[in-house]
Amino acid sequence: FNHRAIAIEAQRLPAPVKPLSPREVDVLTHLAMGLA
């Protein structure tokens, strides 16, 4: 059901963002884990 809903209502998905670099992912991941 979710697969079909996404196909029909694709405009409801958030606008895609620019991909993060591996280093940006590393930084945000560690910040999300509570590190200063």
PDB file of all heavy atoms in Angstrom:
ATOM      1  N   PHE A   1       0.836  -1.207   0.000  1.00  0.00           N
ATOM      2  CA  PHE A   1       0.000   0.000   0.000  1.00  0.00           C
ATOM      3  C   PHE A   1       0.869   1.254   0.000  1.00  0.00           C
ATOM      4  O   PHE A   1       0.611   2.213  -0.742  1.00  0.00           O
ATOM      5  CB  PHE A   1      -0.919  -0.009   1.219  1.00  0.00           C
ATOM      6  CG  PHE A   1      -2.205   0.710   0.986  1.00  0.00           C
ATOM      7  CD1 PHE A   1      -3.340   0.021   0.608  1.00  0.00           C
ATOM      8  CD2 PHE A   1      -2.288   2.089   1.119  1.00  0.00           C
ATOM      9  CE1 PHE A   1      -4.530   0.675   0.373  1.00  0.00           C
ATOM     10  CE2 PHE A   1      -3.471   2.762   0.889  1.00  0.00           C
ATOM     11  CZ  PHE A   1      -4.601   2.046   0.518  1.00  0.00           C
ATOM     12  N   ASN A   2       1.911   1.249   0.829  1.00  0.00           N
ATOM     13  CA  ASN A   2       2.775   2.424   0.888  1.00  0.00           C
ATOM     14  C   ASN A   2       3.506   2.644  -0.434  1.00  0.00           C
ATOM     15  O   ASN A   2       3.686   3.786  -0.873  1.00  0.00           O
ATOM     16  CB  ASN A   2       3.799   2.250   2.019  1.00  0.00           C
ATOM     17  CG  ASN A   2       4.429   3.557   2.444  1.00  0.00           C
ATOM     18  OD1 ASN A   2       3.740   4.539   2.682  1.00  0.00           O
ATOM     19  ND2 ASN A   2       5.746   3.584   2.549  1.00  0.00           N
ATOM     20  N   HIS A   3       3.925   1.554  -1.055  1.00  0.00           N
ATOM     21  CA  HIS A   3       4.603   1.648  -2.354  1.00  0.00           C
ATOM     22  C   HIS A   3       3.702   2.319  -3.388  1.00  0.00           C
ATOM     23  O   HIS A   3       4.141   3.204  -4.136  1.00  0.00           O
ATOM     24  CB  HIS A   3       4.999   0.247  -2.824  1.00  0.00           C
ATOM     25  CG  HIS A   3       5.563   0.198  -4.198  1.00  0.00           C
ATOM     26  ND1 HIS A   3       6.842   0.628  -4.506  1.00  0.00           N
ATOM     27  CD2 HIS A   3       5.015  -0.221  -5.380  1.00  0.00           C
ATOM     28  CE1 HIS A   3       7.065   0.474  -5.797  1.00  0.00           C
ATOM     29  NE2 HIS A   3       5.974  -0.031  -6.351  1.00  0.00           N
ATOM     30  N   ARG A   4       2.434   1.919  -3.441  1.00  0.00           N
ATOM     31  CA  ARG A   4       1.516   2.507  -4.409  1.00  0.00           C
ATOM     32  C   ARG A   4       1.192   3.949  -4.051  1.00  0.00           C
ATOM     33  O   ARG A   4       1.075   4.807  -4.935  1.00  0.00           O
ATOM     34  CB  ARG A   4       0.216   1.700  -4.476  1.00  0.00           C
ATOM     35  CG  ARG A   4       0.367   0.332  -5.091  1.00  0.00           C
ATOM     36  CD  ARG A   4       1.173   0.350  -6.373  1.00  0.00           C
ATOM     37  NE  ARG A   4       0.634   1.315  -7.344  1.00  0.00           N
ATOM     38  CZ  ARG A   4       1.346   1.829  -8.342  1.00  0.00           C
ATOM     39  NH1 ARG A   4       2.628   1.525  -8.478  1.00  0.00           N
ATOM     40  NH2 ARG A   4       0.788   2.663  -9.182  1.00  0.00           N
ATOM     41  N   ALA A   5       1.033   4.245  -2.759  1.00  0.00           N
ATOM     42  CA  ALA A   5       0.725   5.616  -2.349  1.00  0.00           C
ATOM     43  C   ALA A   5       1.850   6.562  -2.736  1.00  0.00           C
ATOM     44  O   ALA A   5       1.606   7.681  -3.206  1.00  0.00           O
ATOM     45  CB  ALA A   5       0.473   5.664  -0.840  1.00  0.00           C
ATOM     46  N   ILE A   6       3.091   6.123  -2.549  1.00  0.00           N
ATOM     47  CA  ILE A   6       4.235   6.957  -2.920  1.00  0.00           C
ATOM     48  C   ILE A   6       4.250   7.200  -4.422  1.00  0.00           C
ATOM     49  O   ILE A   6       4.508   8.309  -4.896  1.00  0.00           O
ATOM     50  CB  ILE A   6       5.551   6.301  -2.457  1.00  0.00           C
ATOM     51  CG1 ILE A   6       5.668   6.364  -0.936  1.00  0.00           C
ATOM     52  CG2 ILE A   6       6.757   6.983  -3.094  1.00  0.00           C
ATOM     53  CD1 ILE A   6       6.847   5.606  -0.382  1.00  0.00           C
ATOM     54  N   ALA A   7       3.955   6.155  -5.194  1.00  0.00           N
ATOM     55  CA  ALA A   7       3.950   6.297  -6.653  1.00  0.00           C
ATOM     56  C   ALA A   7       2.873   7.276  -7.116  1.00  0.00           C
ATOM     57  O   ALA A   7       3.079   8.065  -8.044  1.00  0.00           O
ATOM     58  CB  ALA A   7       3.734   4.933  -7.305  1.00  0.00           C
ATOM     59  N   ILE A   8       1.708   7.235  -6.460  1.00  0.00           N
ATOM     60  CA  ILE A   8       0.595   8.102  -6.862  1.00  0.00           C
ATOM     61  C   ILE A   8       0.770   9.523  -6.327  1.00  0.00           C
ATOM     62  O   ILE A   8       0.495  10.498  -7.021  1.00  0.00           O
ATOM     63  CB  ILE A   8      -0.737   7.504  -6.356  1.00  0.00           C
ATOM     64  CG1 ILE A   8      -1.015   6.165  -7.061  1.00  0.00           C
ATOM     65  CG2 ILE A   8      -1.893   8.478  -6.590  1.00  0.00           C
ATOM     66  CD1 ILE A   8      -2.199   5.417  -6.494  1.00  0.00           C
ATOM     67  N   GLU A   9       1.240   9.630  -5.101  1.00  0.00           N
ATOM     68  CA  GLU A   9       1.335  10.932  -4.451  1.00  0.00           C
ATOM     69  C   GLU A   9       2.785  11.353  -4.238  1.00  0.00           C
ATOM     70  O   GLU A   9       3.171  11.798  -3.153  1.00  0.00           O
ATOM     71  CB  GLU A   9       0.603  10.893  -3.106  1.00  0.00           C
ATOM     72  CG  GLU A   9      -0.897  10.777  -3.250  1.00  0.00           C
ATOM     73  CD  GLU A   9      -1.493  12.083  -3.767  1.00  0.00           C
ATOM     74  OE1 GLU A   9      -1.656  13.024  -2.973  1.00  0.00           O
ATOM     75  OE2 GLU A   9      -1.801  12.150  -4.965  1.00  0.00           O
ATOM     76  N   ALA A  10       3.605  11.191  -5.269  1.00  0.00           N
ATOM     77  CA  ALA A  10       5.032  11.494  -5.147  1.00  0.00           C
ATOM     78  C   ALA A  10       5.289  12.939  -4.747  1.00  0.00           C
ATOM     79  O   ALA A  10       6.305  13.253  -4.114  1.00  0.00           O
ATOM     80  CB  ALA A  10       5.738  11.189  -6.464  1.00  0.00           C
ATOM     81  N   GLN A  11       4.368  13.829  -5.078  1.00  0.00           N
ATOM     82  CA  GLN A  11       4.568  15.243  -4.741  1.00  0.00           C
ATOM     83  C   GLN A  11       4.518  15.489  -3.243  1.00  0.00           C
ATOM     84  O   GLN A  11       4.929  16.548  -2.773  1.00  0.00           O
ATOM     85  CB  GLN A  11       3.536  16.126  -5.452  1.00  0.00           C
ATOM     86  CG  GLN A  11       2.112  15.948  -4.969  1.00  0.00           C
ATOM     87  CD  GLN A  11       1.372  14.873  -5.748  1.00  0.00           C
ATOM     88  OE1 GLN A  11       1.995  14.016  -6.347  1.00  0.00           O
ATOM     89  NE2 GLN A  11       0.049  14.942  -5.740  1.00  0.00           N
ATOM     90  N   ARG A  12       4.026  14.530  -2.476  1.00  0.00           N
ATOM     91  CA  ARG A  12       3.973  14.701  -1.029  1.00  0.00           C
ATOM     92  C   ARG A  12       5.317  14.434  -0.365  1.00  0.00           C
ATOM     93  O   ARG A  12       5.496  14.762   0.800  1.00  0.00           O
ATOM     94  CB  ARG A  12       2.910  13.785  -0.419  1.00  0.00           C
ATOM     95  CG  ARG A  12       1.497  14.166  -0.802  1.00  0.00           C
ATOM     96  CD  ARG A  12       0.465  13.281  -0.128  1.00  0.00           C
ATOM     97  NE  ARG A  12      -0.877  13.631  -0.563  1.00  0.00           N
ATOM     98  CZ  ARG A  12      -1.630  14.567  -0.014  1.00  0.00           C
ATOM     99  NH1 ARG A  12      -1.163  15.230   1.024  1.00  0.00           N
ATOM    100  NH2 ARG A  12      -2.827  14.837  -0.470  1.00  0.00           N
ATOM    101  N   LEU A  13       6.238  13.835  -1.093  1.00  0.00           N
ATOM    102  CA  LEU A  13       7.560  13.615  -0.525  1.00  0.00           C
ATOM    103  C   LEU A  13       8.299  14.940  -0.401  1.00  0.00           C
ATOM    104  O   LEU A  13       8.131  15.838  -1.234  1.00  0.00           O
ATOM    105  CB  LEU A  13       8.377  12.672  -1.418  1.00  0.00           C
ATOM    106  CG  LEU A  13       7.966  11.197  -1.411  1.00  0.00           C
ATOM    107  CD1 LEU A  13       8.736  10.439  -2.480  1.00  0.00           C
ATOM    108  CD2 LEU A  13       8.228  10.585  -0.045  1.00  0.00           C
ATOM    109  N   PRO A  14       9.133  15.099   0.622  1.00  0.00           N
ATOM    110  CA  PRO A  14       9.930  16.319   0.736  1.00  0.00           C
ATOM    111  C   PRO A  14      10.831  16.488  -0.478  1.00  0.00           C
ATOM    112  O   PRO A  14      11.244  15.501  -1.113  1.00  0.00           O
ATOM    113  CB  PRO A  14      10.759  16.082   2.007  1.00  0.00           C
ATOM    114  CG  PRO A  14      10.032  15.017   2.751  1.00  0.00           C
ATOM    115  CD  PRO A  14       9.377  14.167   1.726  1.00  0.00           C
ATOM    116  N   ALA A  15      11.123  17.728  -0.806  1.00  0.00           N
ATOM    117  CA  ALA A  15      12.021  17.973  -1.929  1.00  0.00           C
ATOM    118  C   ALA A  15      13.390  17.353  -1.638  1.00  0.00           C
ATOM    119  O   ALA A  15      13.894  17.458  -0.520  1.00  0.00           O
ATOM    120  CB  ALA A  15      12.167  19.477  -2.161  1.00  0.00           C
ATOM    121  N   PRO A  16      13.974  16.672  -2.625  1.00  0.00           N
ATOM    122  CA  PRO A  16      15.287  16.054  -2.389  1.00  0.00           C
ATOM    123  C   PRO A  16      16.342  17.112  -2.082  1.00  0.00           C
ATOM    124  O   PRO A  16      16.320  18.221  -2.625  1.00  0.00           O
ATOM    125  CB  PRO A  16      15.581  15.338  -3.713  1.00  0.00           C
ATOM    126  CG  PRO A  16      14.726  16.038  -4.732  1.00  0.00           C
ATOM    127  CD  PRO A  16      13.501  16.475  -4.004  1.00  0.00           C
ATOM    128  N   VAL A  17      17.250  16.766  -1.199  1.00  0.00           N
ATOM    129  CA  VAL A  17      18.319  17.685  -0.840  1.00  0.00           C
ATOM    130  C   VAL A  17      19.584  17.293  -1.573  1.00  0.00           C
ATOM    131  O   VAL A  17      19.723  16.173  -2.071  1.00  0.00           O
ATOM    132  CB  VAL A  17      18.584  17.659   0.683  1.00  0.00           C
ATOM    133  CG1 VAL A  17      17.335  18.074   1.439  1.00  0.00           C
ATOM    134  CG2 VAL A  17      19.033  16.267   1.131  1.00  0.00           C
ATOM    135  N   LYS A  18      20.533  18.224  -1.633  1.00  0.00           N
ATOM    136  CA  LYS A  18      21.811  17.907  -2.233  1.00  0.00           C
ATOM    137  C   LYS A  18      22.515  16.850  -1.387  1.00  0.00           C
ATOM    138  O   LYS A  18      22.449  16.898  -0.155  1.00  0.00           O
ATOM    139  CB  LYS A  18      22.676  19.175  -2.319  1.00  0.00           C
ATOM    140  CG  LYS A  18      22.101  20.261  -3.222  1.00  0.00           C
ATOM    141  CD  LYS A  18      23.004  21.484  -3.225  1.00  0.00           C
ATOM    142  CE  LYS A  18      22.434  22.573  -4.122  1.00  0.00           C
ATOM    143  NZ  LYS A  18      23.288  23.801  -4.107  1.00  0.00           N
ATOM    144  N   PRO A  19      23.160  15.890  -2.011  1.00  0.00           N
ATOM    145  CA  PRO A  19      23.805  14.830  -1.223  1.00  0.00           C
ATOM    146  C   PRO A  19      24.917  15.375  -0.339  1.00  0.00           C
ATOM    147  O   PRO A  19      25.672  16.264  -0.735  1.00  0.00           O
ATOM    148  CB  PRO A  19      24.349  13.879  -2.302  1.00  0.00           C
ATOM    149  CG  PRO A  19      24.470  14.721  -3.534  1.00  0.00           C
ATOM    150  CD  PRO A  19      23.356  15.714  -3.461  1.00  0.00           C
ATOM    151  N   LEU A  20      24.993  14.825   0.872  1.00  0.00           N
ATOM    152  CA  LEU A  20      26.066  15.206   1.782  1.00  0.00           C
ATOM    153  C   LEU A  20      27.330  14.441   1.432  1.00  0.00           C
ATOM    154  O   LEU A  20      27.286  13.294   0.989  1.00  0.00           O
ATOM    155  CB  LEU A  20      25.667  14.892   3.226  1.00  0.00           C
ATOM    156  CG  LEU A  20      24.416  15.584   3.774  1.00  0.00           C
ATOM    157  CD1 LEU A  20      24.142  15.106   5.193  1.00  0.00           C
ATOM    158  CD2 LEU A  20      24.565  17.092   3.731  1.00  0.00           C
ATOM    159  N   SER A  21      28.466  15.076   1.657  1.00  0.00           N
ATOM    160  CA  SER A  21      29.733  14.398   1.439  1.00  0.00           C
ATOM    161  C   SER A  21      29.965  13.407   2.585  1.00  0.00           C
ATOM    162  O   SER A  21      29.366  13.531   3.654  1.00  0.00           O
ATOM    163  CB  SER A  21      30.881  15.408   1.406  1.00  0.00           C
ATOM    164  OG  SER A  21      31.111  15.932   2.701  1.00  0.00           O
ATOM    165  N   PRO A  22      30.823  12.404   2.386  1.00  0.00           N
ATOM    166  CA  PRO A  22      31.107  11.455   3.474  1.00  0.00           C
ATOM    167  C   PRO A  22      31.571  12.151   4.757  1.00  0.00           C
ATOM    168  O   PRO A  22      31.201  11.746   5.863  1.00  0.00           O
ATOM    169  CB  PRO A  22      32.204  10.569   2.889  1.00  0.00           C
ATOM    170  CG  PRO A  22      31.962  10.606   1.416  1.00  0.00           C
ATOM    171  CD  PRO A  22      31.503  12.010   1.138  1.00  0.00           C
ATOM    172  N   ARG A  23      32.365  13.216   4.606  1.00  0.00           N
ATOM    173  CA  ARG A  23      32.849  13.912   5.796  1.00  0.00           C
ATOM    174  C   ARG A  23      31.722  14.668   6.482  1.00  0.00           C
ATOM    175  O   ARG A  23      31.668  14.746   7.720  1.00  0.00           O
ATOM    176  CB  ARG A  23      33.974  14.876   5.390  1.00  0.00           C
ATOM    177  CG  ARG A  23      35.061  15.080   6.424  1.00  0.00           C
ATOM    178  CD  ARG A  23      35.532  13.783   7.013  1.00  0.00           C
ATOM    179  NE  ARG A  23      36.846  13.880   7.644  1.00  0.00           N
ATOM    180  CZ  ARG A  23      37.373  12.935   8.387  1.00  0.00           C
ATOM    181  NH1 ARG A  23      36.696  11.827   8.612  1.00  0.00           N
ATOM    182  NH2 ARG A  23      38.572  13.071   8.899  1.00  0.00           N
ATOM    183  N   GLU A  24      30.810  15.246   5.721  1.00  0.00           N
ATOM    184  CA  GLU A  24      29.661  15.935   6.308  1.00  0.00           C
ATOM    185  C   GLU A  24      28.773  14.939   7.058  1.00  0.00           C
ATOM    186  O   GLU A  24      28.247  15.252   8.133  1.00  0.00           O
ATOM    187  CB  GLU A  24      28.867  16.653   5.215  1.00  0.00           C
ATOM    188  CG  GLU A  24      29.601  17.850   4.633  1.00  0.00           C
ATOM    189  CD  GLU A  24      29.010  18.330   3.331  1.00  0.00           C
ATOM    190  OE1 GLU A  24      28.116  17.653   2.776  1.00  0.00           O
ATOM    191  OE2 GLU A  24      29.454  19.393   2.831  1.00  0.00           O
ATOM    192  N   VAL A  25      28.625  13.750   6.499  1.00  0.00           N
ATOM    193  CA  VAL A  25      27.866  12.702   7.174  1.00  0.00           C
ATOM    194  C   VAL A  25      28.538  12.328   8.490  1.00  0.00           C
ATOM    195  O   VAL A  25      27.886  12.188   9.531  1.00  0.00           O
ATOM    196  CB  VAL A  25      27.723  11.453   6.271  1.00  0.00           C
ATOM    197  CG1 VAL A  25      27.159  10.276   7.068  1.00  0.00           C
ATOM    198  CG2 VAL A  25      26.838  11.762   5.077  1.00  0.00           C
ATOM    199  N   ASP A  26      29.853  12.178   8.462  1.00  0.00           N
ATOM    200  CA  ASP A  26      30.592  11.847   9.686  1.00  0.00           C
ATOM    201  C   ASP A  26      30.367  12.906  10.764  1.00  0.00           C
ATOM    202  O   ASP A  26      30.112  12.587  11.935  1.00  0.00           O
ATOM    203  CB  ASP A  26      32.095  11.749   9.389  1.00  0.00           C
ATOM    204  CG  ASP A  26      32.460  10.493   8.626  1.00  0.00           C
ATOM    205  OD1 ASP A  26      31.640   9.552   8.610  1.00  0.00           O
ATOM    206  OD2 ASP A  26      33.560  10.464   8.040  1.00  0.00           O
ATOM    207  N   VAL A  27      30.493  14.164  10.374  1.00  0.00           N
ATOM    208  CA  VAL A  27      30.363  15.263  11.335  1.00  0.00           C
ATOM    209  C   VAL A  27      28.969  15.283  11.946  1.00  0.00           C
ATOM    210  O   VAL A  27      28.807  15.333  13.169  1.00  0.00           O
ATOM    211  CB  VAL A  27      30.681  16.605  10.649  1.00  0.00           C
ATOM    212  CG1 VAL A  27      30.253  17.765  11.538  1.00  0.00           C
ATOM    213  CG2 VAL A  27      32.166  16.705  10.338  1.00  0.00           C
ATOM    214  N   LEU A  28      27.910  15.235  11.117  1.00  0.00           N
ATOM    215  CA  LEU A  28      26.547  15.293  11.641  1.00  0.00           C
ATOM    216  C   LEU A  28      26.212  14.060  12.472  1.00  0.00           C
ATOM    217  O   LEU A  28      25.486  14.149  13.464  1.00  0.00           O
ATOM    218  CB  LEU A  28      25.552  15.441  10.491  1.00  0.00           C
ATOM    219  CG  LEU A  28      25.578  16.769   9.735  1.00  0.00           C
ATOM    220  CD1 LEU A  28      24.444  16.816   8.724  1.00  0.00           C
ATOM    221  CD2 LEU A  28      25.495  17.960  10.675  1.00  0.00           C
ATOM    222  N   THR A  29      26.752  12.916  12.077  1.00  0.00           N
ATOM    223  CA  THR A  29      26.493  11.691  12.837  1.00  0.00           C
ATOM    224  C   THR A  29      27.041  11.803  14.250  1.00  0.00           C
ATOM    225  O   THR A  29      26.364  11.479  15.231  1.00  0.00           O
ATOM    226  CB  THR A  29      27.114  10.473  12.132  1.00  0.00           C
ATOM    227  OG1 THR A  29      26.511  10.314  10.841  1.00  0.00           O
ATOM    228  CG2 THR A  29      26.902   9.205  12.943  1.00  0.00           C
ATOM    229  N   HIS A  30      28.263  12.282  14.378  1.00  0.00           N
ATOM    230  CA  HIS A  30      28.866  12.416  15.698  1.00  0.00           C
ATOM    231  C   HIS A  30      28.161  13.490  16.535  1.00  0.00           C
ATOM    232  O   HIS A  30      27.983  13.330  17.741  1.00  0.00           O
ATOM    233  CB  HIS A  30      30.356  12.742  15.572  1.00  0.00           C
ATOM    234  CG  HIS A  30      31.195  11.546  15.213  1.00  0.00           C
ATOM    235  ND1 HIS A  30      31.342  11.114  13.920  1.00  0.00           N
ATOM    236  CD2 HIS A  30      31.916  10.696  15.986  1.00  0.00           C
ATOM    237  CE1 HIS A  30      32.128  10.050  13.901  1.00  0.00           C
ATOM    238  NE2 HIS A  30      32.486   9.771  15.141  1.00  0.00           N
ATOM    239  N   LEU A  31      27.743  14.564  15.903  1.00  0.00           N
ATOM    240  CA  LEU A  31      26.996  15.591  16.630  1.00  0.00           C
ATOM    241  C   LEU A  31      25.650  15.034  17.104  1.00  0.00           C
ATOM    242  O   LEU A  31      25.196  15.329  18.214  1.00  0.00           O
ATOM    243  CB  LEU A  31      26.779  16.821  15.747  1.00  0.00           C
ATOM    244  CG  LEU A  31      28.024  17.653  15.435  1.00  0.00           C
ATOM    245  CD1 LEU A  31      27.691  18.745  14.424  1.00  0.00           C
ATOM    246  CD2 LEU A  31      28.608  18.271  16.708  1.00  0.00           C
ATOM    247  N   ALA A  32      25.009  14.228  16.261  1.00  0.00           N
ATOM    248  CA  ALA A  32      23.724  13.634  16.631  1.00  0.00           C
ATOM    249  C   ALA A  32      23.870  12.666  17.784  1.00  0.00           C
ATOM    250  O   ALA A  32      22.919  12.427  18.542  1.00  0.00           O
ATOM    251  CB  ALA A  32      23.119  12.919  15.426  1.00  0.00           C
ATOM    252  N   MET A  33      25.051  12.099  17.967  1.00  0.00           N
ATOM    253  CA  MET A  33      25.312  11.160  19.052  1.00  0.00           C
ATOM    254  C   MET A  33      25.659  11.860  20.353  1.00  0.00           C
ATOM    255  O   MET A  33      25.971  11.224  21.360  1.00  0.00           O
ATOM    256  CB  MET A  33      26.434  10.199  18.643  1.00  0.00           C
ATOM    257  CG  MET A  33      25.982   9.221  17.556  1.00  0.00           C
ATOM    258  SD  MET A  33      27.341   8.433  16.659  1.00  0.00           S
ATOM    259  CE  MET A  33      28.221   7.642  17.986  1.00  0.00           C
ATOM    260  N   GLY A  34      25.629  13.222  20.338  1.00  0.00           N
ATOM    261  CA  GLY A  34      25.810  13.973  21.569  1.00  0.00           C
ATOM    262  C   GLY A  34      27.213  14.468  21.846  1.00  0.00           C
ATOM    263  O   GLY A  34      27.466  15.032  22.910  1.00  0.00           O
ATOM    264  N   LEU A  35      28.135  14.290  20.909  1.00  0.00           N
ATOM    265  CA  LEU A  35      29.500  14.763  21.126  1.00  0.00           C
ATOM    266  C   LEU A  35      29.588  16.264  20.919  1.00  0.00           C
ATOM    267  O   LEU A  35      28.902  16.829  20.058  1.00  0.00           O
ATOM    268  CB  LEU A  35      30.467  14.060  20.169  1.00  0.00           C
ATOM    269  CG  LEU A  35      30.619  12.536  20.333  1.00  0.00           C
ATOM    270  CD1 LEU A  35      31.595  12.000  19.301  1.00  0.00           C
ATOM    271  CD2 LEU A  35      31.079  12.185  21.733  1.00  0.00           C
ATOM    272  N   ALA A  36      30.428  16.912  21.695  1.00  0.00           N
ATOM    273  CA  ALA A  36      30.689  18.338  21.502  1.00  0.00           C
ATOM    274  C   ALA A  36      31.554  18.522  20.254  1.00  0.00           C
ATOM    275  O   ALA A  36      32.213  17.586  19.786  1.00  0.00           O
ATOM    276  CB  ALA A  36      31.399  18.909  22.725  1.00  0.00           C
TER     277      ALA A  36
END
